[in-house]
Every structure is written in C-alpha cells, then in structure tokens.
C-alpha atoms as a PDB file:
ATOM      1  CA  MET A   1      26.628  19.047   1.892  1.00  0.00           C
ATOM      2  CA  GLN A   2      26.674  15.307   0.217  1.00  0.00           C
ATOM      3  CA  GLN A   3      22.946  14.969  -0.777  1.00  0.00           C
ATOM      4  CA  SER A   4      21.773  11.777   1.395  1.00  0.00           C
ATOM      5  CA  LEU A   5      20.843   8.764  -0.768  1.00  0.00           C
ATOM      6  CA  PHE A   6      17.255   8.543   0.778  1.00  0.00           C
ATOM      7  CA  ASP A   7      16.284  12.364  -0.099  1.00  0.00           C
ATOM      8  CA  ILE A   8      13.050  12.504  -1.626  1.00  0.00           C
ATOM      9  CA  SER A   9      12.751  16.538  -1.312  1.00  0.00           C
ATOM     10  CA  GLY A  10      11.042  18.163  -4.204  1.00  0.00           C
ATOM     11  CA  LYS A  11       9.685  14.811  -5.473  1.00  0.00           C
ATOM     12  CA  ILE A  12       6.060  14.852  -6.516  1.00  0.00           C
ATOM     13  CA  ALA A  13       4.251  11.618  -4.852  1.00  0.00           C
ATOM     14  CA  ILE A  14       0.510  10.276  -4.972  1.00  0.00           C
ATOM     15  CA  VAL A  15      -0.802   8.048  -2.236  1.00  0.00           C
ATOM     16  CA  THR A  16      -4.301   6.072  -2.853  1.00  0.00           C
ATOM     17  CA  GLY A  17      -6.079   5.237  -0.173  1.00  0.00           C
ATOM     18  CA  GLY A  18      -4.429   8.628   1.391  1.00  0.00           C
ATOM     19  CA  GLY A  19      -7.366   8.632   3.818  1.00  0.00           C
ATOM     20  CA  GLY A  20      -6.970   5.514   5.704  1.00  0.00           C
ATOM     21  CA  VAL A  21      -4.566   4.858   8.270  1.00  0.00           C
ATOM     22  CA  LEU A  22      -1.882   3.362   5.963  1.00  0.00           C
ATOM     23  CA  GLY A  23      -2.088   5.637   3.330  1.00  0.00           C
ATOM     24  CA  SER A  24      -2.243   8.834   5.756  1.00  0.00           C
ATOM     25  CA  SER A  25       1.166   7.602   7.905  1.00  0.00           C
ATOM     26  CA  ILE A  26       2.704   7.360   4.311  1.00  0.00           C
ATOM     27  CA  SER A  27       1.946  10.747   3.616  1.00  0.00           C
ATOM     28  CA  GLU A  28       3.052  12.310   6.749  1.00  0.00           C
ATOM     29  CA  ASN A  29       6.322  10.770   6.509  1.00  0.00           C
ATOM     30  CA  LEU A  30       7.111  11.511   2.734  1.00  0.00           C
ATOM     31  CA  LEU A  31       5.849  15.481   3.634  1.00  0.00           C
ATOM     32  CA  LYS A  32       8.220  15.582   6.469  1.00  0.00           C
ATOM     33  CA  ASN A  33      10.896  14.535   3.975  1.00  0.00           C
ATOM     34  CA  GLY A  34      10.231  17.330   1.673  1.00  0.00           C
ATOM     35  CA  ALA A  35       8.228  15.540  -0.859  1.00  0.00           C
ATOM     36  CA  LYS A  36       4.887  17.410  -2.082  1.00  0.00           C
ATOM     37  CA  VAL A  37       1.967  14.966  -1.733  1.00  0.00           C
ATOM     38  CA  ILE A  38      -1.140  14.094  -3.442  1.00  0.00           C
ATOM     39  CA  ILE A  39      -3.847  11.701  -1.608  1.00  0.00           C
ATOM     40  CA  LEU A  40      -6.474  10.533  -3.150  1.00  0.00           C
ATOM     41  CA  ASP A  41      -9.147   8.806  -1.787  1.00  0.00           C
ATOM     42  CA  ILE A  42     -13.156   8.017  -2.551  1.00  0.00           C
ATOM     43  CA  ARG A  43     -14.382   9.705   0.739  1.00  0.00           C
ATOM     44  CA  GLN A  44     -14.141  13.471   0.885  1.00  0.00           C
ATOM     45  CA  GLU A  45     -14.421  13.322   4.362  1.00  0.00           C
ATOM     46  CA  ALA A  46     -11.847  11.100   4.989  1.00  0.00           C
ATOM     47  CA  LEU A  47      -9.586  13.383   2.995  1.00  0.00           C
ATOM     48  CA  ASP A  48     -11.095  16.490   4.793  1.00  0.00           C
ATOM     49  CA  ALA A  49      -9.685  14.713   8.206  1.00  0.00           C
ATOM     50  CA  ARG A  50      -6.405  13.549   6.947  1.00  0.00           C
ATOM     51  CA  LEU A  51      -5.344  16.976   5.431  1.00  0.00           C
ATOM     52  CA  GLU A  52      -6.142  19.325   8.619  1.00  0.00           C
ATOM     53  CA  LYS A  53      -3.203  17.678   9.976  1.00  0.00           C
ATOM     54  CA  LEU A  54      -1.492  17.093   7.136  1.00  0.00           C
ATOM     55  CA  GLN A  55      -1.311  20.429   5.540  1.00  0.00           C
ATOM     56  CA  THR A  56       0.672  21.396   8.640  1.00  0.00           C
ATOM     57  CA  LEU A  57       3.621  19.208   7.580  1.00  0.00           C
ATOM     58  CA  GLY A  58       3.802  20.203   3.721  1.00  0.00           C
ATOM     59  CA  GLU A  59       2.610  20.857   0.329  1.00  0.00           C
ATOM     60  CA  VAL A  60      -0.074  18.274   0.228  1.00  0.00           C
ATOM     61  CA  THR A  61      -3.135  18.187  -2.098  1.00  0.00           C
ATOM     62  CA  GLY A  62      -6.553  15.838  -1.591  1.00  0.00           C
ATOM     63  CA  LEU A  63      -8.814  14.805  -4.327  1.00  0.00           C
ATOM     64  CA  THR A  64     -11.532  12.429  -4.237  1.00  0.00           C
ATOM     65  CA  CYS A  65     -10.876   9.456  -6.520  1.00  0.00           C
ATOM     66  CA  ASN A  66     -12.435   6.054  -7.204  1.00  0.00           C
ATOM     67  CA  VAL A  67      -9.601   3.927  -8.034  1.00  0.00           C
ATOM     68  CA  LEU A  68     -11.709   0.988  -9.867  1.00  0.00           C
ATOM     69  CA  ASP A  69     -12.546   3.719 -12.326  1.00  0.00           C
ATOM     70  CA  MET A  70     -10.160   4.639 -15.054  1.00  0.00           C
ATOM     71  CA  GLU A  71     -12.005   7.848 -16.494  1.00  0.00           C
ATOM     72  CA  SER A  72     -11.834   8.810 -12.394  1.00  0.00           C
ATOM     73  CA  LEU A  73      -8.480   8.286 -12.222  1.00  0.00           C
ATOM     74  CA  ARG A  74      -7.348   9.689 -15.494  1.00  0.00           C
ATOM     75  CA  ASN A  75      -9.600  12.988 -14.521  1.00  0.00           C
ATOM     76  CA  VAL A  76      -7.157  13.244 -11.427  1.00  0.00           C
ATOM     77  CA  ARG A  77      -3.883  12.847 -13.733  1.00  0.00           C
ATOM     78  CA  GLN A  78      -4.794  15.425 -15.778  1.00  0.00           C
ATOM     79  CA  GLN A  79      -5.409  17.944 -12.743  1.00  0.00           C
ATOM     80  CA  ILE A  80      -1.576  16.678 -10.783  1.00  0.00           C
ATOM     81  CA  LYS A  81      -0.254  17.153 -14.280  1.00  0.00           C
ATOM     82  CA  GLU A  82      -1.408  20.469 -14.779  1.00  0.00           C
ATOM     83  CA  GLN A  83      -0.432  21.712 -11.575  1.00  0.00           C
ATOM     84  CA  TYR A  84       3.011  19.766 -11.067  1.00  0.00           C
ATOM     85  CA  GLY A  85       3.981  18.746 -14.731  1.00  0.00           C
ATOM     86  CA  ARG A  86       5.267  15.082 -13.450  1.00  0.00           C
ATOM     87  CA  ILE A  87       4.413  12.273 -10.998  1.00  0.00           C
ATOM     88  CA  ASP A  88       7.662  10.833  -9.373  1.00  0.00           C
ATOM     89  CA  ILE A  89       6.156   8.539  -6.847  1.00  0.00           C
ATOM     90  CA  LEU A  90       2.893   6.253  -6.876  1.00  0.00           C
ATOM     91  CA  VAL A  91       2.141   4.694  -3.357  1.00  0.00           C
ATOM     92  CA  ASN A  92      -1.225   2.205  -3.721  1.00  0.00           C
ATOM     93  CA  ALA A  93      -1.741   1.895  -0.326  1.00  0.00           C
ATOM     94  CA  ALA A  94      -5.557   1.888  -1.171  1.00  0.00           C
ATOM     95  CA  GLY A  95      -7.023  -1.571  -0.193  1.00  0.00           C
ATOM     96  CA  GLY A  96      -7.711  -3.973   3.068  1.00  0.00           C
ATOM     97  CA  ASN A  97     -10.559  -6.606   4.033  1.00  0.00           C
ATOM     98  CA  THR A  98     -14.288  -5.931   4.249  1.00  0.00           C
ATOM     99  CA  PRO A  99     -16.360  -7.513   6.846  1.00  0.00           C
ATOM    100  CA  GLY A 100     -17.679  -9.817   4.552  1.00  0.00           C
ATOM    101  CA  GLY A 101     -14.799 -11.200   2.900  1.00  0.00           C
ATOM    102  CA  THR A 102     -13.787 -12.225   6.485  1.00  0.00           C
ATOM    103  CA  LEU A 103     -14.619 -15.740   7.360  1.00  0.00           C
ATOM    104  CA  THR A 104     -15.958 -16.214  10.851  1.00  0.00           C
ATOM    105  CA  GLU A 105     -14.279 -19.287  12.741  1.00  0.00           C
ATOM    106  CA  GLU A 106     -17.567 -21.363  12.130  1.00  0.00           C
ATOM    107  CA  GLN A 107     -17.733 -20.455   8.103  1.00  0.00           C
ATOM    108  CA  THR A 108     -16.294 -22.609   5.699  1.00  0.00           C
ATOM    109  CA  ILE A 109     -15.087 -21.506   1.718  1.00  0.00           C
ATOM    110  CA  PHE A 110     -18.852 -22.501   1.163  1.00  0.00           C
ATOM    111  CA  ASP A 111     -20.140 -19.918   3.358  1.00  0.00           C
ATOM    112  CA  LEU A 112     -18.564 -17.222   1.616  1.00  0.00           C
ATOM    113  CA  LYS A 113     -20.731 -14.981  -0.621  1.00  0.00           C
ATOM    114  CA  MET A 114     -18.880 -14.175  -3.649  1.00  0.00           C
ATOM    115  CA  GLU A 115     -20.029 -10.656  -3.949  1.00  0.00           C
ATOM    116  CA  ASP A 116     -17.980 -10.239  -0.971  1.00  0.00           C
ATOM    117  CA  PHE A 117     -15.202 -12.061  -2.377  1.00  0.00           C
ATOM    118  CA  HIS A 118     -15.067  -9.528  -5.646  1.00  0.00           C
ATOM    119  CA  LYS A 119     -15.242  -6.772  -3.621  1.00  0.00           C
ATOM    120  CA  VAL A 120     -11.972  -7.749  -1.779  1.00  0.00           C
ATOM    121  CA  THR A 121     -10.169  -8.731  -4.845  1.00  0.00           C
ATOM    122  CA  ASP A 122     -11.384  -5.883  -7.029  1.00  0.00           C
ATOM    123  CA  LEU A 123     -10.258  -3.136  -4.271  1.00  0.00           C
ATOM    124  CA  ASN A 124      -6.978  -4.676  -3.636  1.00  0.00           C
ATOM    125  CA  LEU A 125      -5.868  -6.307  -6.771  1.00  0.00           C
ATOM    126  CA  THR A 126      -7.488  -3.783  -9.501  1.00  0.00           C
ATOM    127  CA  GLY A 127      -7.173  -0.865  -7.225  1.00  0.00           C
ATOM    128  CA  THR A 128      -3.585  -1.049  -7.628  1.00  0.00           C
ATOM    129  CA  ILE A 129      -3.075  -2.354 -11.360  1.00  0.00           C
ATOM    130  CA  TYR A 130      -5.600   0.812 -12.642  1.00  0.00           C
ATOM    131  CA  PRO A 131      -3.718   3.491 -10.941  1.00  0.00           C
ATOM    132  CA  SER A 132      -0.426   1.987 -11.960  1.00  0.00           C
ATOM    133  CA  ILE A 133      -1.446   2.195 -15.339  1.00  0.00           C
ATOM    134  CA  VAL A 134      -2.457   5.778 -15.045  1.00  0.00           C
ATOM    135  CA  PHE A 135       0.101   7.019 -13.156  1.00  0.00           C
ATOM    136  CA  GLY A 136       2.573   4.893 -14.763  1.00  0.00           C
ATOM    137  CA  GLU A 137       1.841   6.498 -18.044  1.00  0.00           C
ATOM    138  CA  VAL A 138       3.185   9.551 -16.625  1.00  0.00           C
ATOM    139  CA  MET A 139       6.557   7.921 -15.621  1.00  0.00           C
ATOM    140  CA  ALA A 140       6.819   5.896 -19.121  1.00  0.00           C
ATOM    141  CA  GLU A 141       6.772   9.211 -20.910  1.00  0.00           C
ATOM    142  CA  GLN A 142       9.267  11.527 -18.285  1.00  0.00           C
ATOM    143  CA  GLY A 143      12.009   8.338 -18.113  1.00  0.00           C
ATOM    144  CA  GLU A 144      11.319   7.879 -14.651  1.00  0.00           C
ATOM    145  CA  GLY A 145       9.767   7.182 -11.407  1.00  0.00           C
ATOM    146  CA  SER A 146       9.042   4.721  -8.760  1.00  0.00           C
ATOM    147  CA  ILE A 147       5.743   2.612  -7.828  1.00  0.00           C
ATOM    148  CA  VAL A 148       5.496   1.036  -4.459  1.00  0.00           C
ATOM    149  CA  ASN A 149       2.555  -1.921  -3.764  1.00  0.00           C
ATOM    150  CA  ILE A 150       1.332  -3.120  -0.710  1.00  0.00           C
ATOM    151  CA  SER A 151       1.294  -6.800  -0.629  1.00  0.00           C
ATOM    152  CA  SER A 152       0.741  -8.710   2.857  1.00  0.00           C
ATOM    153  CA  MET A 153       1.852 -11.910   4.892  1.00  0.00           C
ATOM    154  CA  ALA A 154      -1.271 -13.748   3.353  1.00  0.00           C
ATOM    155  CA  THR A 155       0.614 -13.963   0.357  1.00  0.00           C
ATOM    156  CA  TYR A 156       3.765 -16.336   1.739  1.00  0.00           C
ATOM    157  CA  SER A 157       1.722 -19.270   3.467  1.00  0.00           C
ATOM    158  CA  ALA A 158      -2.456 -19.788   3.893  1.00  0.00           C
ATOM    159  CA  ILE A 159      -3.387 -17.643   6.558  1.00  0.00           C
ATOM    160  CA  THR A 160      -7.226 -18.538   7.720  1.00  0.00           C
ATOM    161  CA  ARG A 161     -10.318 -17.120   7.373  1.00  0.00           C
ATOM    162  CA  VAL A 162      -9.088 -14.437   4.335  1.00  0.00           C
ATOM    163  CA  PRO A 163      -9.862 -16.211   1.281  1.00  0.00           C
ATOM    164  CA  GLY A 164     -10.265 -13.390  -1.232  1.00  0.00           C
ATOM    165  CA  TYR A 165      -7.773 -10.883   0.168  1.00  0.00           C
ATOM    166  CA  SER A 166      -5.409 -13.443   0.061  1.00  0.00           C
ATOM    167  CA  VAL A 167      -5.901 -14.343  -3.348  1.00  0.00           C
ATOM    168  CA  ALA A 168      -5.836 -10.386  -4.164  1.00  0.00           C
ATOM    169  CA  LYS A 169      -2.439  -9.847  -2.521  1.00  0.00           C
ATOM    170  CA  THR A 170      -0.575 -12.611  -4.038  1.00  0.00           C
ATOM    171  CA  GLY A 171      -2.223 -10.990  -7.124  1.00  0.00           C
ATOM    172  CA  VAL A 172      -0.445  -8.155  -6.732  1.00  0.00           C
ATOM    173  CA  ASN A 173       3.075  -9.538  -6.065  1.00  0.00           C
ATOM    174  CA  ILE A 174       3.037 -11.260  -9.800  1.00  0.00           C
ATOM    175  CA  PHE A 175       1.432  -7.687 -11.106  1.00  0.00           C
ATOM    176  CA  THR A 176       4.372  -5.913  -9.141  1.00  0.00           C
ATOM    177  CA  GLN A 177       7.127  -8.498 -10.552  1.00  0.00           C
ATOM    178  CA  TRP A 178       5.648  -8.256 -13.960  1.00  0.00           C
ATOM    179  CA  LEU A 179       5.136  -4.650 -14.382  1.00  0.00           C
ATOM    180  CA  ALA A 180       8.599  -4.198 -13.151  1.00  0.00           C
ATOM    181  CA  MET A 181       9.947  -5.602 -16.037  1.00  0.00           C
ATOM    182  CA  GLU A 182       7.740  -4.486 -18.473  1.00  0.00           C
ATOM    183  CA  MET A 183       8.775  -0.400 -17.557  1.00  0.00           C
ATOM    184  CA  ALA A 184      12.671  -1.736 -17.604  1.00  0.00           C
ATOM    185  CA  THR A 185      12.569  -3.631 -20.607  1.00  0.00           C
ATOM    186  CA  LYS A 186      10.355  -1.552 -22.725  1.00  0.00           C
ATOM    187  CA  PHE A 187      10.627   2.225 -21.065  1.00  0.00           C
ATOM    188  CA  ASN A 188      13.484   3.257 -18.693  1.00  0.00           C
ATOM    189  CA  GLU A 189      15.366   1.144 -16.066  1.00  0.00           C
ATOM    190  CA  LYS A 190      14.935   4.066 -13.940  1.00  0.00           C
ATOM    191  CA  ILE A 191      11.293   3.347 -13.683  1.00  0.00           C
ATOM    192  CA  ARG A 192      10.827   0.869 -11.003  1.00  0.00           C
ATOM    193  CA  VAL A 193       8.238  -1.174  -9.468  1.00  0.00           C
ATOM    194  CA  ASN A 194       8.711  -3.123  -5.506  1.00  0.00           C
ATOM    195  CA  ALA A 195       6.054  -3.908  -3.035  1.00  0.00           C
ATOM    196  CA  ILE A 196       6.003  -4.262   0.449  1.00  0.00           C
ATOM    197  CA  ALA A 197       4.392  -6.945   2.406  1.00  0.00           C
ATOM    198  CA  PRO A 198       3.485  -5.806   5.710  1.00  0.00           C
ATOM    199  CA  GLY A 199       3.156  -8.413   9.094  1.00  0.00           C
ATOM    200  CA  PHE A 200       0.722  -8.228  10.999  1.00  0.00           C
ATOM    201  CA  PHE A 201      -0.390  -3.936  12.428  1.00  0.00           C
ATOM    202  CA  ILE A 202      -3.478  -3.918  14.510  1.00  0.00           C
ATOM    203  CA  GLY A 203      -5.727  -1.390  12.795  1.00  0.00           C
ATOM    204  CA  ASP A 204      -9.429  -0.401  12.125  1.00  0.00           C
ATOM    205  CA  GLN A 205     -10.045  -3.221   9.888  1.00  0.00           C
ATOM    206  CA  ASN A 206      -8.691  -6.329  11.904  1.00  0.00           C
ATOM    207  CA  ARG A 207      -8.700  -4.822  15.348  1.00  0.00           C
ATOM    208  CA  ALA A 208     -11.789  -6.951  16.319  1.00  0.00           C
ATOM    209  CA  VAL A 209     -10.066 -10.105  15.033  1.00  0.00           C
ATOM    210  CA  LEU A 210      -7.145  -9.625  17.105  1.00  0.00           C
ATOM    211  CA  ILE A 211      -8.056  -7.830  19.914  1.00  0.00           C
ATOM    212  CA  ASN A 212     -10.946  -8.624  22.847  1.00  0.00           C
ATOM    213  CA  PRO A 213     -13.091  -5.952  24.149  1.00  0.00           C
ATOM    214  CA  ASP A 214     -11.435  -5.830  27.181  1.00  0.00           C
ATOM    215  CA  GLY A 215      -8.152  -5.268  25.416  1.00  0.00           C
ATOM    216  CA  SER A 216      -6.706  -8.528  25.508  1.00  0.00           C
ATOM    217  CA  LEU A 217      -5.266 -10.499  22.481  1.00  0.00           C
ATOM    218  CA  THR A 218      -7.452 -12.704  20.959  1.00  0.00           C
ATOM    219  CA  GLU A 219      -6.772 -16.791  20.345  1.00  0.00           C
ATOM    220  CA  ARG A 220      -5.827 -15.621  16.698  1.00  0.00           C
ATOM    221  CA  SER A 221      -3.496 -13.113  17.885  1.00  0.00           C
ATOM    222  CA  LYS A 222      -1.510 -15.153  20.320  1.00  0.00           C
ATOM    223  CA  LYS A 223      -1.101 -17.551  16.936  1.00  0.00           C
ATOM    224  CA  VAL A 224       0.745 -14.521  15.278  1.00  0.00           C
ATOM    225  CA  ILE A 225       2.935 -13.393  18.298  1.00  0.00           C
ATOM    226  CA  ALA A 226       4.000 -16.988  18.176  1.00  0.00           C
ATOM    227  CA  ARG A 227       4.816 -17.034  15.214  1.00  0.00           C
ATOM    228  CA  THR A 228       6.883 -13.567  15.201  1.00  0.00           C
ATOM    229  CA  PRO A 229      10.293 -13.789  16.308  1.00  0.00           C
ATOM    230  CA  MET A 230       9.930 -10.511  17.400  1.00  0.00           C
ATOM    231  CA  LYS A 231       7.037 -11.396  19.765  1.00  0.00           C
ATOM    232  CA  ARG A 232       4.954  -8.025  18.757  1.00  0.00           C
ATOM    233  CA  PHE A 233       2.624  -6.779  16.685  1.00  0.00           C
ATOM    234  CA  GLY A 234       4.211  -3.502  14.284  1.00  0.00           C
ATOM    235  CA  ASP A 235       3.274  -0.091  14.373  1.00  0.00           C
ATOM    236  CA  ILE A 236       1.985   1.212  11.314  1.00  0.00           C
ATOM    237  CA  SER A 237       4.603   3.860  11.190  1.00  0.00           C
ATOM    238  CA  GLU A 238       7.086   0.992  10.638  1.00  0.00           C
ATOM    239  CA  LEU A 239       6.557   0.755   7.015  1.00  0.00           C
ATOM    240  CA  ASN A 240       7.499   4.153   6.299  1.00  0.00           C
ATOM    241  CA  GLY A 241      11.109   3.886   6.205  1.00  0.00           C
ATOM    242  CA  ILE A 242      11.235   1.116   3.631  1.00  0.00           C
ATOM    243  CA  VAL A 243       8.492   3.164   1.021  1.00  0.00           C
ATOM    244  CA  GLN A 244      11.126   6.108   1.699  1.00  0.00           C
ATOM    245  CA  PHE A 245      13.611   4.036   1.027  1.00  0.00           C
ATOM    246  CA  LEU A 246      12.038   2.365  -2.355  1.00  0.00           C
ATOM    247  CA  CYS A 247      11.328   5.920  -3.214  1.00  0.00           C
ATOM    248  CA  SER A 248      14.759   7.132  -3.176  1.00  0.00           C
ATOM    249  CA  ASN A 249      17.868   6.940  -5.296  1.00  0.00           C
ATOM    250  CA  ALA A 250      19.229   4.464  -2.291  1.00  0.00           C
ATOM    251  CA  ALA A 251      16.909   1.967  -4.322  1.00  0.00           C
ATOM    252  CA  SER A 252      18.326   2.703  -7.445  1.00  0.00           C
ATOM    253  CA  PHE A 253      19.334  -0.865  -8.656  1.00  0.00           C
ATOM    254  CA  ILE A 254      15.980  -2.631  -6.942  1.00  0.00           C
ATOM    255  CA  THR A 255      12.713  -3.448  -8.619  1.00  0.00           C
ATOM    256  CA  GLY A 256      10.714  -6.220  -8.987  1.00  0.00           C
ATOM    257  CA  THR A 257      10.827  -7.196  -4.831  1.00  0.00           C
ATOM    258  CA  ILE A 258       8.295  -7.762  -2.377  1.00  0.00           C
ATOM    259  CA  ILE A 259       9.738  -7.057   0.673  1.00  0.00           C
ATOM    260  CA  PRO A 260       8.609  -8.014   4.028  1.00  0.00           C
ATOM    261  CA  VAL A 261       7.956  -5.487   6.900  1.00  0.00           C
ATOM    262  CA  ASP A 262       7.071  -8.770   9.754  1.00  0.00           C
ATOM    263  CA  GLY A 263       9.062  -8.864  12.799  1.00  0.00           C
ATOM    264  CA  GLY A 264      10.484 -12.399  11.253  1.00  0.00           C
ATOM    265  CA  PHE A 265       6.900 -13.740  10.434  1.00  0.00           C
ATOM    266  CA  SER A 266       7.790 -14.773   7.122  1.00  0.00           C
ATOM    267  CA  SER A 267      11.307 -16.477   8.192  1.00  0.00           C
ATOM    268  CA  PHE A 268      10.135 -18.240  11.361  1.00  0.00           C
ATOM    269  CA  SER A 269       8.997 -22.051  10.682  1.00  0.00           C
ATOM    270  CA  GLY A 270       7.462 -21.849  14.417  1.00  0.00           C
ATOM    271  CA  VAL A 271       9.917 -24.331  15.326  1.00  0.00           C
END
C-alpha cells in the first residue's frame, strides 16, 4: 500500500506551549496520526492536565521548559536526543497576548505600560526564535526537519488595541522567512520553516473581548464577523490539518510561507 503524502507516523515532534489550548489541540492531532510528541510548557500543572488525556492517544512526553531561557531549552534538547536520537518537527505554539498588553477601548498607546509590551513581544517573538535555534540545530545536523511557527491576522493590517502582539507576530513572519532561507541555503533543502496565521478563534485569552457575559457577540466580534466571508469564528481544531500538511512530505517544496487560516478574513476588503 502506498504511504500517504500526509503521513507523519513515527516522526518525533516537539510542541512548545503544549499545556495550552492551541498546543494541546495540535499535539492531539499529531499523536492520532502516529507521531511521537514531546509537549513543553513552563507550567507543570498544565502539562499534567494535558498529559492525562494525551497519553491515551499515543507516545507522549511532557517536559517543563522556559522558551525564554536558552539553557532550559538546551537541557530539554539533551533529554530528547537521549530518548529519541532526533527531532523531526517543531511547532512553536507558545505565545498569546496578556491582559496588560491589550488596550481597553478608552486607552491610547500612551497608556501602554512598556513592561507589558515587552512581556508580549518576548513571549511571542523571542519565545519562537529561541526554540527554533536550539531545536533547529538538531535538524541542521541531521539534514531534515520541519518548523511551524504561529503568526496572526494582526500582521496583515492594523488591528486596534493589540500593539505589542501585532509587532511580535510581524517579527515572527520575517523570522520564519529568514530562517527558511538560512536552513535551505546553508544546511539542507529538506529543512523547512513555515508559519500559519490563524484568524479569529475564541479562546481563554480573548473570550472577554469577543463574547459578552450573556453569550452574545461584543461590538468587536461583530466587526470581525462582518469582515469574515465565512461569517463565523474558527474552531481551534481547524488549524490541525495545515500543521500536519506542513510537517509531512506533501509540503516538501514549501518553505518560508505564512499561510492564513482565517475564513477569508485576510482576503476580504469589507466591501
């Protein structure tokens, strides 16, 4: 029987932010499709909660790790190399916005606390760069691998109230393109680096901004839906297919791309 183009069985996959909703969803799909998954998170309690479910689906390991600490990442890399000998996939799912990094409707940029701005930019940008360097080095040594970063709709045009997050994710875009070029030209064309740009999904971090206490849409949500041709929010599981595609041989000639998964939001002018 011919192996599926999208087959990822047996691949060794690392998912940062694996204790979160996005990282957990991606990890679950990778496991269901035969990958061996290592989820990383700074919060042991989050890892424990996710592992309870994920362990029923396949071979999964949870390791505490700080994506903003190179030494922490190198320690984890050593553990993974000792256990598996290689790293085939890295999904940089650690990230998100913070309450202090989101301006209220009454605030302006001059009310933004720079410490909150730096927290958001560090988590999303540095928290993508550091793991890519540490785990990407293994891919460079072995001559193949796939890195998938998480971008955002906030990089396509200005979205109100999220300056730090927008700046950080825009940085993720150019870092994705730069690292793709670096890996293919200096190491091996089989090392690919891509990003996905999720549209609007309702999660723990943005629920209060998008959904009123009574369950109705906020004014911000109504604007989002008006600009989304599919007229709905996405479900977090709808990101799994593109991640698996980018990690499989089906995407063997794809690198340096930022692919929107947004119900058409980025393509619609609003008219």
